[in-house]
Amino acid sequence: MRHIVNALLVRDGCVLLAKRSPQRASYPGRWSFPGGHVEANETFPEALIREVREEIGINPTAYVEVGVIKDPNAPPSGPIAYHMYLVTSWRGGEPAIMDDEHSELAWMPFAAAASIADLALEEYRTLLTRLGG
């Protein structure tokens, strides 16, 4: 199984969404969250910190895993698990696109994020609704 970490940055009742670049192999042009693959001999928190730093230039300092989502579109021969982390504090200032993984970042209230038509995974809706209370 491939493991991927995703960061749900929150502040002032909003969550940061990241629109996947159109050239991405999976879910191009869809809204998701910063994150990426866990490398060999890397813990999930280490991967979270590395991926978020590489993609949006910040270093998470307070985070907790809030769920695991299995990719319903992954082939049976290559299942994927997304480990979802709620990030409530970070260093490095305002998140900004640092590479070509995403084309846009947007802060949205949880309810608005849950209602976006082009989320990468439908399962994100349930998580966003639960976290938004």
C-alpha atoms as a PDB file:
ATOM      1  CA  MET A   1       0.000   0.000   0.000  1.00  0.00           C
ATOM      2  CA  ARG A   2       1.182   3.500  -0.802  1.00  0.00           C
ATOM      3  CA  HIS A   3       0.804   6.020   1.993  1.00  0.00           C
ATOM      4  CA  ILE A   4       0.233   9.722   1.419  1.00  0.00           C
ATOM      5  CA  VAL A   5       0.027  12.487   4.025  1.00  0.00           C
ATOM      6  CA  ASN A   6      -2.234  15.507   3.592  1.00  0.00           C
ATOM      7  CA  ALA A   7      -2.248  18.713   5.640  1.00  0.00           C
ATOM      8  CA  LEU A   8      -5.505  20.470   6.454  1.00  0.00           C
ATOM      9  CA  LEU A   9      -4.208  23.834   7.650  1.00  0.00           C
ATOM     10  CA  VAL A  10      -6.804  25.709   9.682  1.00  0.00           C
ATOM     11  CA  ARG A  11      -7.074  29.266  10.947  1.00  0.00           C
ATOM     12  CA  ASP A  12      -9.956  31.564  11.797  1.00  0.00           C
ATOM     13  CA  GLY A  13     -12.545  28.884  10.977  1.00  0.00           C
ATOM     14  CA  CYS A  14     -11.151  28.277   7.491  1.00  0.00           C
ATOM     15  CA  VAL A  15      -9.204  25.443   5.884  1.00  0.00           C
ATOM     16  CA  LEU A  16      -6.540  25.786   3.177  1.00  0.00           C
ATOM     17  CA  LEU A  17      -7.315  23.987  -0.062  1.00  0.00           C
ATOM     18  CA  ALA A  18      -4.831  23.476  -2.881  1.00  0.00           C
ATOM     19  CA  LYS A  19      -5.875  23.068  -6.508  1.00  0.00           C
ATOM     20  CA  ARG A  20      -3.877  20.312  -8.185  1.00  0.00           C
ATOM     21  CA  SER A  21      -1.999  21.461 -11.279  1.00  0.00           C
ATOM     22  CA  PRO A  22      -3.497  20.422 -14.638  1.00  0.00           C
ATOM     23  CA  GLN A  23      -0.440  18.310 -15.525  1.00  0.00           C
ATOM     24  CA  ARG A  24      -0.795  16.046 -12.452  1.00  0.00           C
ATOM     25  CA  ALA A  25      -1.295  12.356 -13.245  1.00  0.00           C
ATOM     26  CA  SER A  26      -4.046  11.900 -10.662  1.00  0.00           C
ATOM     27  CA  TYR A  27      -6.920  14.284  -9.999  1.00  0.00           C
ATOM     28  CA  PRO A  28      -5.633  17.136 -12.230  1.00  0.00           C
ATOM     29  CA  GLY A  29      -7.383  20.459 -11.698  1.00  0.00           C
ATOM     30  CA  ARG A  30      -9.205  19.212  -8.610  1.00  0.00           C
ATOM     31  CA  TRP A  31      -9.103  20.664  -5.099  1.00  0.00           C
ATOM     32  CA  SER A  32      -7.176  18.760  -2.460  1.00  0.00           C
ATOM     33  CA  PHE A  33      -4.645  19.565   0.262  1.00  0.00           C
ATOM     34  CA  PRO A  34      -0.871  20.016   0.402  1.00  0.00           C
ATOM     35  CA  GLY A  35       0.987  16.766   1.009  1.00  0.00           C
ATOM     36  CA  GLY A  36       2.532  13.803  -0.697  1.00  0.00           C
ATOM     37  CA  HIS A  37       4.058  10.358  -0.591  1.00  0.00           C
ATOM     38  CA  VAL A  38       5.705   8.917   2.503  1.00  0.00           C
ATOM     39  CA  GLU A  39       9.221   7.866   1.550  1.00  0.00           C
ATOM     40  CA  ALA A  40      11.024   4.700   2.688  1.00  0.00           C
ATOM     41  CA  ASN A  41      12.181   4.861   6.330  1.00  0.00           C
ATOM     42  CA  GLU A  42      10.184   8.061   6.913  1.00  0.00           C
ATOM     43  CA  THR A  43       7.505   8.415   9.592  1.00  0.00           C
ATOM     44  CA  PHE A  44       4.169   9.963   8.691  1.00  0.00           C
ATOM     45  CA  PRO A  45       4.917  13.145  10.693  1.00  0.00           C
ATOM     46  CA  GLU A  46       8.341  13.452   9.023  1.00  0.00           C
ATOM     47  CA  ALA A  47       6.684  13.110   5.604  1.00  0.00           C
ATOM     48  CA  LEU A  48       4.022  15.671   6.548  1.00  0.00           C
ATOM     49  CA  ILE A  49       6.606  18.256   7.575  1.00  0.00           C
ATOM     50  CA  ARG A  50       8.802  17.637   4.516  1.00  0.00           C
ATOM     51  CA  GLU A  51       5.975  17.664   1.983  1.00  0.00           C
ATOM     52  CA  VAL A  52       4.302  20.793   3.385  1.00  0.00           C
ATOM     53  CA  ARG A  53       7.640  22.630   3.485  1.00  0.00           C
ATOM     54  CA  GLU A  54       8.377  21.628  -0.135  1.00  0.00           C
ATOM     55  CA  GLU A  55       4.922  22.492  -1.462  1.00  0.00           C
ATOM     56  CA  ILE A  56       3.840  25.601   0.466  1.00  0.00           C
ATOM     57  CA  GLY A  57       6.960  26.767   2.334  1.00  0.00           C
ATOM     58  CA  ILE A  58       5.839  26.392   5.953  1.00  0.00           C
ATOM     59  CA  ASN A  59       6.812  24.046   8.812  1.00  0.00           C
ATOM     60  CA  PRO A  60       3.917  22.495  10.755  1.00  0.00           C
ATOM     61  CA  THR A  61       4.437  22.703  14.532  1.00  0.00           C
ATOM     62  CA  ALA A  62       1.061  21.474  15.878  1.00  0.00           C
ATOM     63  CA  TYR A  63      -0.806  18.706  14.078  1.00  0.00           C
ATOM     64  CA  VAL A  64      -2.903  15.616  14.728  1.00  0.00           C
ATOM     65  CA  GLU A  65      -4.046  12.806  12.446  1.00  0.00           C
ATOM     66  CA  VAL A  66      -7.819  13.089  11.998  1.00  0.00           C
ATOM     67  CA  GLY A  67      -8.506  10.226   9.632  1.00  0.00           C
ATOM     68  CA  VAL A  68      -7.377   7.860   6.919  1.00  0.00           C
ATOM     69  CA  ILE A  69      -9.086   7.803   3.536  1.00  0.00           C
ATOM     70  CA  LYS A  70      -8.622   4.913   1.102  1.00  0.00           C
ATOM     71  CA  ASP A  71      -8.478   6.079  -2.508  1.00  0.00           C
ATOM     72  CA  PRO A  72     -11.567   4.511  -4.144  1.00  0.00           C
ATOM     73  CA  ASN A  73     -10.030   4.978  -7.607  1.00  0.00           C
ATOM     74  CA  ALA A  74      -6.710   3.250  -6.912  1.00  0.00           C
ATOM     75  CA  PRO A  75      -6.247  -0.110  -8.627  1.00  0.00           C
ATOM     76  CA  PRO A  76      -6.478  -3.216  -6.416  1.00  0.00           C
ATOM     77  CA  SER A  77      -2.819  -3.912  -7.202  1.00  0.00           C
ATOM     78  CA  GLY A  78      -1.781  -0.492  -5.833  1.00  0.00           C
ATOM     79  CA  PRO A  79      -4.020   0.664  -2.988  1.00  0.00           C
ATOM     80  CA  ILE A  80      -3.466   4.165  -1.597  1.00  0.00           C
ATOM     81  CA  ALA A  81      -4.179   5.470   1.906  1.00  0.00           C
ATOM     82  CA  TYR A  82      -4.369   9.212   2.590  1.00  0.00           C
ATOM     83  CA  HIS A  83      -3.432  10.102   6.172  1.00  0.00           C
ATOM     84  CA  MET A  84      -5.215  13.356   6.928  1.00  0.00           C
ATOM     85  CA  TYR A  85      -3.579  15.728   9.427  1.00  0.00           C
ATOM     86  CA  LEU A  86      -5.216  18.764  10.980  1.00  0.00           C
ATOM     87  CA  VAL A  87      -2.488  21.432  11.230  1.00  0.00           C
ATOM     88  CA  THR A  88      -3.250  24.238  13.688  1.00  0.00           C
ATOM     89  CA  SER A  89       0.139  25.929  13.973  1.00  0.00           C
ATOM     90  CA  TRP A  90       3.159  26.451  11.742  1.00  0.00           C
ATOM     91  CA  ARG A  91       6.306  28.499  11.253  1.00  0.00           C
ATOM     92  CA  GLY A  92       7.321  30.272   8.088  1.00  0.00           C
ATOM     93  CA  GLY A  93       4.588  32.803   7.512  1.00  0.00           C
ATOM     94  CA  GLU A  94       1.825  32.660   4.949  1.00  0.00           C
ATOM     95  CA  PRO A  95       1.550  29.455   2.883  1.00  0.00           C
ATOM     96  CA  ALA A  96       2.539  30.019  -0.755  1.00  0.00           C
ATOM     97  CA  ILE A  97       2.963  27.776  -3.796  1.00  0.00           C
ATOM     98  CA  MET A  98       6.604  26.672  -3.912  1.00  0.00           C
ATOM     99  CA  ASP A  99       6.577  24.108  -6.761  1.00  0.00           C
ATOM    100  CA  ASP A 100       4.429  22.903  -9.650  1.00  0.00           C
ATOM    101  CA  GLU A 101       2.250  20.496  -7.636  1.00  0.00           C
ATOM    102  CA  HIS A 102      -0.573  23.039  -7.256  1.00  0.00           C
ATOM    103  CA  SER A 103      -1.823  25.964  -9.299  1.00  0.00           C
ATOM    104  CA  GLU A 104      -3.839  27.771  -6.621  1.00  0.00           C
ATOM    105  CA  LEU A 105      -4.320  28.006  -2.845  1.00  0.00           C
ATOM    106  CA  ALA A 106      -7.525  29.179  -1.178  1.00  0.00           C
ATOM    107  CA  TRP A 107      -8.684  29.646   2.421  1.00  0.00           C
ATOM    108  CA  MET A 108     -12.336  28.607   2.745  1.00  0.00           C
ATOM    109  CA  PRO A 109     -14.816  28.111   5.559  1.00  0.00           C
ATOM    110  CA  PHE A 110     -15.290  24.370   6.166  1.00  0.00           C
ATOM    111  CA  ALA A 111     -18.880  24.360   4.842  1.00  0.00           C
ATOM    112  CA  ALA A 112     -17.835  26.106   1.616  1.00  0.00           C
ATOM    113  CA  ALA A 113     -14.891  23.721   1.164  1.00  0.00           C
ATOM    114  CA  ALA A 114     -17.182  20.714   1.674  1.00  0.00           C
ATOM    115  CA  SER A 115     -19.520  21.978  -1.048  1.00  0.00           C
ATOM    116  CA  ILE A 116     -16.931  22.474  -3.809  1.00  0.00           C
ATOM    117  CA  ALA A 117     -17.974  20.508  -6.900  1.00  0.00           C
ATOM    118  CA  ASP A 118     -14.452  19.521  -7.958  1.00  0.00           C
ATOM    119  CA  LEU A 119     -12.889  18.042  -4.814  1.00  0.00           C
ATOM    120  CA  ALA A 120     -10.344  15.356  -5.633  1.00  0.00           C
ATOM    121  CA  LEU A 121     -12.131  12.798  -3.462  1.00  0.00           C
ATOM    122  CA  GLU A 122     -15.778  12.704  -2.392  1.00  0.00           C
ATOM    123  CA  GLU A 123     -14.607  11.377   0.982  1.00  0.00           C
ATOM    124  CA  TYR A 124     -13.125  14.816   1.713  1.00  0.00           C
ATOM    125  CA  ARG A 125     -16.680  16.161   2.100  1.00  0.00           C
ATOM    126  CA  THR A 126     -17.425  13.967   5.102  1.00  0.00           C
ATOM    127  CA  LEU A 127     -14.124  14.881   6.753  1.00  0.00           C
ATOM    128  CA  LEU A 128     -14.562  18.611   6.141  1.00  0.00           C
ATOM    129  CA  THR A 129     -18.135  18.526   7.446  1.00  0.00           C
ATOM    130  CA  ARG A 130     -17.042  16.628  10.571  1.00  0.00           C
ATOM    131  CA  LEU A 131     -14.132  18.975  11.282  1.00  0.00           C
ATOM    132  CA  GLY A 132     -16.171  22.092  10.576  1.00  0.00           C
ATOM    133  CA  GLY A 133     -18.708  21.058  13.211  1.00  0.00           C
END
